[in-house]
């Protein structure tokens, strides 16, 4: 498995063109799953795990890797399946979400594929595991499921989505009381977290499940008002979304006359210097790493009251 991510840094040109790369893996059985390569730090054979008292039942133990102690979550158990029994043949996918590093225990790791975000579709309704999916795609005539990792992590260690009293007391939307805040995110958990944090601003909030849905709705608002900013104050968008990612959504907004004055805050569990460069490339106004409610609310207020150039 060494070397599977060696060329990741040379693949960044795919992002911003509505493309992504997925690391494919299996849990128990034949079903394939995928995770965005840009969230993955490392893939390694499962090391010895140390049990610790009072760990969540979904955490199989902690691993000591390169001077860091990392919790290892059994992804099969976390999505309602059986635990991965044979650790000697299992792998750990070390990934960064929401400003922290986790290890995800998986049964097998296959390879990296590249695809288009428009080939990534919302999950089908009515399936047992659907509540743990943000999207699905097809590879070699087989369904690949993309897990809602933010939901899994929130069930293990819930995030506080409340803005602190001190910050809330200083928030103001004076002169923008008739505006709405628009949120686009494919994770229901993340949408609710963002909505909860931004209700402190006291404005109406509208939600979309992906970039395509958000763009269509923003165009409809612009058709009614002439310029979308007469109704929408700020767009807070995730980056990873099925059908159209946040980078492409931002680029479309900035290249559409009736939308281009809208302030766009990209809010994502992806982090790092690379993402800052992409923010500038597509013309976004700000980048906030998930998830800190005070920081998010403060940033949204700043762009809400800031006049467009």
Protein backbone atom coordinates (compact mmCIF):
# COMPACT_ATOMS: atom_id res chain seq x y z
CA UNK A 1 0.00 0.00 0.00
CA UNK A 2 3.04 2.25 0.27
CA UNK A 3 3.03 4.76 -2.52
CA UNK A 4 -0.72 4.75 -3.17
CA UNK A 5 -0.84 8.46 -2.34
CA UNK A 6 2.60 9.38 -3.71
CA UNK A 7 1.23 11.40 -6.60
CA UNK A 8 -1.61 13.14 -4.78
CA UNK A 9 0.14 16.52 -4.80
CA UNK A 10 0.49 16.38 -8.59
CA UNK A 11 -3.26 15.89 -9.05
CA UNK A 12 -4.55 19.15 -7.69
CA UNK A 13 -5.28 20.43 -11.19
CA UNK A 14 -8.34 18.15 -11.21
CA UNK A 15 -10.01 20.25 -8.53
CA UNK A 16 -11.75 23.36 -9.79
CA UNK A 17 -12.76 21.51 -12.95
CA UNK A 18 -15.61 19.73 -11.13
CA UNK A 19 -13.37 16.67 -10.81
CA UNK A 20 -12.16 14.66 -7.84
CA UNK A 21 -10.26 11.54 -6.96
CA UNK A 22 -11.60 8.83 -4.69
CA UNK A 23 -9.71 6.28 -2.66
CA UNK A 24 -11.74 3.07 -2.95
CA UNK A 25 -11.98 0.67 -0.01
CA UNK A 26 -14.13 -2.14 1.41
CA UNK A 27 -15.40 -2.80 4.92
CA UNK A 28 -16.89 -6.28 5.31
CA UNK A 29 -17.94 -7.92 2.06
CA UNK A 30 -17.95 -6.79 -1.55
CA UNK A 31 -19.49 -3.32 -1.24
CA UNK A 32 -17.09 -0.56 -2.29
CA UNK A 33 -16.81 2.80 -0.55
CA UNK A 34 -14.97 5.98 -1.44
CA UNK A 35 -13.27 8.89 0.30
CA UNK A 36 -11.89 12.04 -1.29
CA UNK A 37 -8.12 11.69 -1.66
CA UNK A 38 -7.57 15.23 -0.43
CA UNK A 39 -8.85 14.26 3.01
CA UNK A 40 -6.43 11.34 3.26
CA UNK A 41 -3.04 11.78 4.89
CA UNK A 42 -1.86 8.20 4.79
CA UNK A 43 -2.95 4.60 4.31
CA UNK A 44 -1.21 1.85 6.26
CA UNK A 45 -1.59 -1.71 7.42
CA UNK A 46 -3.40 -1.73 10.74
CA UNK A 47 -0.80 -1.41 13.54
CA UNK A 48 -1.25 -2.66 17.08
CA UNK A 49 -4.15 -0.87 18.74
CA UNK A 50 -4.16 0.13 22.39
CA UNK A 51 -7.43 -0.11 24.30
CA UNK A 52 -8.23 2.74 26.62
CA UNK A 53 -10.97 3.15 29.25
CA UNK A 54 -14.18 4.96 28.38
CA UNK A 55 -13.62 4.90 24.63
CA UNK A 56 -16.72 5.06 22.47
CA UNK A 57 -17.78 1.54 21.44
CA UNK A 58 -17.12 2.40 17.77
CA UNK A 59 -13.49 3.24 18.53
CA UNK A 60 -11.44 0.06 18.39
CA UNK A 61 -8.47 1.62 20.11
CA UNK A 62 -5.74 4.17 19.59
CA UNK A 63 -2.67 3.89 17.40
CA UNK A 64 0.64 5.64 17.93
CA UNK A 65 1.72 6.83 14.49
CA UNK A 66 4.63 9.18 13.76
CA UNK A 67 4.57 10.66 17.24
CA UNK A 68 0.79 11.20 17.24
CA UNK A 69 -1.91 9.29 19.12
CA UNK A 70 -4.84 8.67 16.78
CA UNK A 71 -8.27 7.20 17.57
CA UNK A 72 -9.20 4.37 15.22
CA UNK A 73 -12.89 4.16 14.30
CA UNK A 74 -14.35 0.95 12.88
CA UNK A 75 -16.21 2.29 9.85
CA UNK A 76 -18.22 -0.89 9.47
CA UNK A 77 -19.58 -0.69 13.01
CA UNK A 78 -20.10 3.06 12.69
CA UNK A 79 -22.48 2.50 9.77
CA UNK A 80 -24.46 -0.26 11.46
CA UNK A 81 -22.47 -3.24 10.18
CA UNK A 82 -20.42 -5.96 11.87
CA UNK A 83 -17.04 -5.11 13.30
CA UNK A 84 -13.95 -5.81 11.23
CA UNK A 85 -12.62 -8.95 12.88
CA UNK A 86 -9.20 -9.66 11.39
CA UNK A 87 -7.02 -6.66 12.19
CA UNK A 88 -3.95 -8.41 10.79
CA UNK A 89 -5.29 -7.94 7.24
CA UNK A 90 -7.10 -4.65 7.82
CA UNK A 91 -5.96 -1.13 6.95
CA UNK A 92 -6.21 2.29 8.54
CA UNK A 93 -7.08 5.31 6.44
CA UNK A 94 -5.73 8.34 8.29
CA UNK A 95 -7.77 11.39 7.37
CA UNK A 96 -8.30 14.95 8.53
CA UNK A 97 -11.84 16.14 9.20
CA UNK A 98 -13.02 19.19 11.07
CA UNK A 99 -9.56 20.27 12.21
CA UNK A 100 -8.66 16.90 13.72
CA UNK A 101 -7.02 13.69 12.56
CA UNK A 102 -8.77 10.31 12.77
CA UNK A 103 -7.98 6.77 11.73
CA UNK A 104 -10.70 4.82 9.95
CA UNK A 105 -10.43 1.04 10.15
CA UNK A 106 -11.36 -0.62 6.84
CA UNK A 107 -11.21 -4.20 5.61
CA UNK A 108 -9.29 -3.60 2.40
CA UNK A 109 -8.02 -0.71 0.29
CA UNK A 110 -8.14 -0.96 -3.49
CA UNK A 111 -6.93 2.00 -5.55
CA UNK A 112 -7.50 5.64 -6.48
CA UNK A 113 -9.87 6.60 -9.29
CA UNK A 114 -10.59 10.00 -10.81
CA UNK A 115 -14.07 11.05 -11.83
CA UNK A 116 -16.36 14.04 -12.30
CA UNK A 117 -18.46 15.52 -9.53
CA UNK A 118 -21.41 15.38 -11.93
CA UNK A 119 -21.04 11.58 -11.82
CA UNK A 120 -21.43 11.72 -8.03
CA UNK A 121 -25.13 11.51 -7.26
CA UNK A 122 -27.23 11.99 -4.13
CA UNK A 123 -27.89 8.68 -2.32
CA UNK A 124 -31.01 6.69 -3.15
CA UNK A 125 -33.86 7.04 -0.70
CA UNK A 126 -35.18 4.16 1.36
CA UNK A 127 -32.02 2.06 1.70
CA UNK A 128 -30.92 0.96 5.14
CA UNK A 129 -27.51 2.57 5.01
CA UNK A 130 -28.72 5.71 3.19
CA UNK A 131 -28.65 7.80 6.35
CA UNK A 132 -24.86 7.34 6.44
CA UNK A 133 -24.31 8.32 2.80
CA UNK A 134 -23.75 11.72 1.25
CA UNK A 135 -23.44 10.40 -2.30
CA UNK A 136 -23.02 7.41 -4.59
CA UNK A 137 -21.28 6.80 -7.91
CA UNK A 138 -20.67 3.90 -10.26
CA UNK A 139 -17.34 2.24 -10.95
CA UNK A 140 -17.05 -0.78 -13.24
CA UNK A 141 -20.83 -1.23 -13.13
CA UNK A 142 -20.79 -1.40 -9.33
CA UNK A 143 -22.20 1.13 -6.89
CA UNK A 144 -19.65 3.00 -4.78
CA UNK A 145 -21.00 4.53 -1.57
CA UNK A 146 -19.51 7.76 -0.20
CA UNK A 147 -20.01 7.92 3.55
CA UNK A 148 -21.17 10.93 5.55
CA UNK A 149 -18.10 11.02 7.76
CA UNK A 150 -19.27 14.20 9.47
CA UNK A 151 -22.39 12.36 10.65
CA UNK A 152 -20.29 9.45 11.92
CA UNK A 153 -17.90 11.72 13.81
CA UNK A 154 -20.77 13.74 15.28
CA UNK A 155 -22.36 10.57 16.64
CA UNK A 156 -19.10 9.62 18.33
CA UNK A 157 -18.19 13.08 19.58
CA UNK A 158 -20.95 15.67 19.01
CA UNK A 159 -19.83 19.15 18.02
CA UNK A 160 -21.17 22.21 19.80
CA UNK A 161 -22.86 24.31 17.11
CA UNK A 162 -23.85 27.15 19.43
CA UNK A 163 -22.21 30.55 19.06
CA UNK A 164 -20.75 31.71 22.38
CA UNK A 165 -22.65 34.38 24.31
CA UNK A 166 -19.83 36.88 23.98
CA UNK A 167 -19.64 36.58 20.20
CA UNK A 168 -23.42 36.46 19.77
CA UNK A 169 -23.77 39.71 21.70
CA UNK A 170 -21.48 41.47 19.23
CA UNK A 171 -23.15 40.25 16.03
CA UNK A 172 -25.10 42.75 14.00
CA UNK A 173 -26.92 42.64 10.68
CA UNK A 174 -28.08 46.25 10.69
CA UNK A 175 -29.29 47.27 7.24
CA UNK A 176 -29.54 43.66 6.10
CA UNK A 177 -32.61 42.50 7.99
CA UNK A 178 -34.40 41.61 4.75
CA UNK A 179 -31.57 39.40 3.46
CA UNK A 180 -31.27 35.64 3.68
CA UNK A 181 -28.22 33.50 4.35
CA UNK A 182 -27.90 30.66 1.84
CA UNK A 183 -26.23 27.39 2.91
CA UNK A 184 -25.14 24.60 0.54
CA UNK A 185 -23.87 21.31 2.01
CA UNK A 186 -24.50 17.67 1.12
CA UNK A 187 -24.29 16.45 4.72
CA UNK A 188 -27.54 16.84 6.65
CA UNK A 189 -25.55 16.97 9.89
CA UNK A 190 -23.28 19.72 8.57
CA UNK A 191 -26.23 21.72 7.20
CA UNK A 192 -27.92 21.63 10.58
CA UNK A 193 -24.70 22.59 12.38
CA UNK A 194 -24.16 25.59 10.11
CA UNK A 195 -27.80 26.62 10.33
CA UNK A 196 -27.73 26.41 14.12
CA UNK A 197 -24.60 28.57 14.31
CA UNK A 198 -25.95 31.19 11.91
CA UNK A 199 -29.38 31.53 13.48
CA UNK A 200 -27.57 33.79 15.95
CA UNK A 201 -27.58 36.42 13.18
CA UNK A 202 -31.37 36.47 13.25
CA UNK A 203 -31.87 36.23 9.48
CA UNK A 204 -33.86 33.84 7.32
CA UNK A 205 -31.82 30.83 6.20
CA UNK A 206 -32.27 28.78 3.05
CA UNK A 207 -30.65 25.38 2.46
CA UNK A 208 -29.46 23.41 -0.58
CA UNK A 209 -28.08 19.87 -0.73
CA UNK A 210 -25.48 20.41 -3.45
CA UNK A 211 -23.92 23.00 -5.74
CA UNK A 212 -26.26 22.36 -8.66
CA UNK A 213 -29.35 22.81 -6.51
CA UNK A 214 -27.86 25.97 -4.99
CA UNK A 215 -26.97 27.49 -8.37
CA UNK A 216 -30.42 26.84 -9.80
CA UNK A 217 -32.09 28.41 -6.76
CA UNK A 218 -29.79 31.45 -6.79
CA UNK A 219 -30.52 32.00 -10.49
CA UNK A 220 -34.25 31.80 -9.76
CA UNK A 221 -33.89 34.42 -7.02
CA UNK A 222 -31.84 36.64 -9.36
CA UNK A 223 -34.52 36.34 -12.04
CA UNK A 224 -37.06 37.64 -9.57
CA UNK A 225 -34.96 40.43 -8.06
CA UNK A 226 -32.63 41.36 -10.95
CA UNK A 227 -29.53 40.98 -8.79
CA UNK A 228 -29.30 38.10 -6.32
CA UNK A 229 -27.74 40.32 -3.63
CA UNK A 230 -31.01 42.21 -3.29
CA UNK A 231 -32.29 39.11 -1.51
CA UNK A 232 -29.29 36.92 -0.57
CA UNK A 233 -26.69 38.35 1.78
CA UNK A 234 -24.06 35.59 1.87
CA UNK A 235 -23.61 32.07 0.50
CA UNK A 236 -21.91 29.56 2.82
CA UNK A 237 -20.94 26.53 0.73
CA UNK A 238 -19.26 23.22 1.34
CA UNK A 239 -16.66 22.20 -1.24
CA UNK A 240 -17.37 18.48 -1.61
CA UNK A 241 -20.88 18.02 -2.99
CA UNK A 242 -22.46 15.68 -5.55
CA UNK A 243 -23.27 16.91 -9.07
CA UNK A 244 -21.42 20.23 -8.60
CA UNK A 245 -18.69 20.98 -6.08
CA UNK A 246 -18.24 24.23 -4.20
CA UNK A 247 -15.33 25.41 -6.32
CA UNK A 248 -17.35 25.04 -9.52
CA UNK A 249 -20.39 26.63 -7.88
CA UNK A 250 -18.27 29.64 -6.87
CA UNK A 251 -16.76 29.98 -10.34
CA UNK A 252 -20.25 29.84 -11.90
CA UNK A 253 -21.49 32.53 -9.51
CA UNK A 254 -18.57 34.85 -10.20
CA UNK A 255 -18.99 34.40 -13.98
CA UNK A 256 -22.74 35.15 -13.96
CA UNK A 257 -23.51 38.90 -14.01
CA UNK A 258 -26.65 38.75 -11.86
CA UNK A 259 -24.86 36.57 -9.27
CA UNK A 260 -21.28 37.84 -9.31
CA UNK A 261 -21.68 40.37 -6.46
CA UNK A 262 -22.70 37.64 -4.02
CA UNK A 263 -20.16 37.07 -1.26
CA UNK A 264 -19.16 33.38 -1.08
CA UNK A 265 -17.70 31.77 2.04
CA UNK A 266 -16.35 28.26 1.42
CA UNK A 267 -16.79 26.17 4.57
CA UNK A 268 -15.22 22.74 4.43
CA UNK A 269 -13.53 19.94 6.31
CA UNK A 270 -10.81 20.06 3.65
CA UNK A 271 -7.94 22.21 4.87
CA UNK A 272 -4.45 23.33 3.99
CA UNK A 273 -2.51 25.72 1.76
CA UNK A 274 -3.84 24.06 -1.37
CA UNK A 275 -7.41 25.04 -0.55
CA UNK A 276 -6.42 28.65 0.09
CA UNK A 277 -4.95 28.75 -3.42
CA UNK A 278 -8.14 27.31 -4.88
CA UNK A 279 -10.24 29.89 -3.02
CA UNK A 280 -8.36 32.64 -4.82
CA UNK A 281 -8.48 30.82 -8.15
CA UNK A 282 -12.27 30.50 -8.24
CA UNK A 283 -12.92 33.93 -6.72
CA UNK A 284 -14.40 32.97 -3.33
CA UNK A 285 -14.35 35.71 -0.72
CA UNK A 286 -13.36 33.60 2.28
CA UNK A 287 -12.40 30.10 3.41
CA UNK A 288 -13.35 28.70 6.83
CA UNK A 289 -12.28 25.24 7.95
CA UNK A 290 -15.06 23.27 9.67
CA UNK A 291 -16.21 23.63 12.35
CA UNK A 292 -16.03 26.56 14.73
CA UNK A 293 -19.37 28.35 15.21
CA UNK A 294 -17.89 31.61 16.54
CA UNK A 295 -15.47 31.90 13.63
CA UNK A 296 -18.14 31.04 11.06
CA UNK A 297 -20.75 33.47 12.42
CA UNK A 298 -18.19 36.27 12.65
CA UNK A 299 -17.03 35.69 9.07
CA UNK A 300 -20.58 35.59 7.71
CA UNK A 301 -21.42 38.83 9.50
CA UNK A 302 -18.32 40.49 8.02
CA UNK A 303 -19.26 39.59 4.46
CA UNK A 304 -22.93 40.30 5.06
CA UNK A 305 -22.27 43.94 5.90
CA UNK A 306 -19.35 44.42 3.50
CA UNK A 307 -20.41 46.26 0.36
CA UNK A 308 -19.55 44.64 -2.97
CA UNK A 309 -16.88 46.37 -4.97
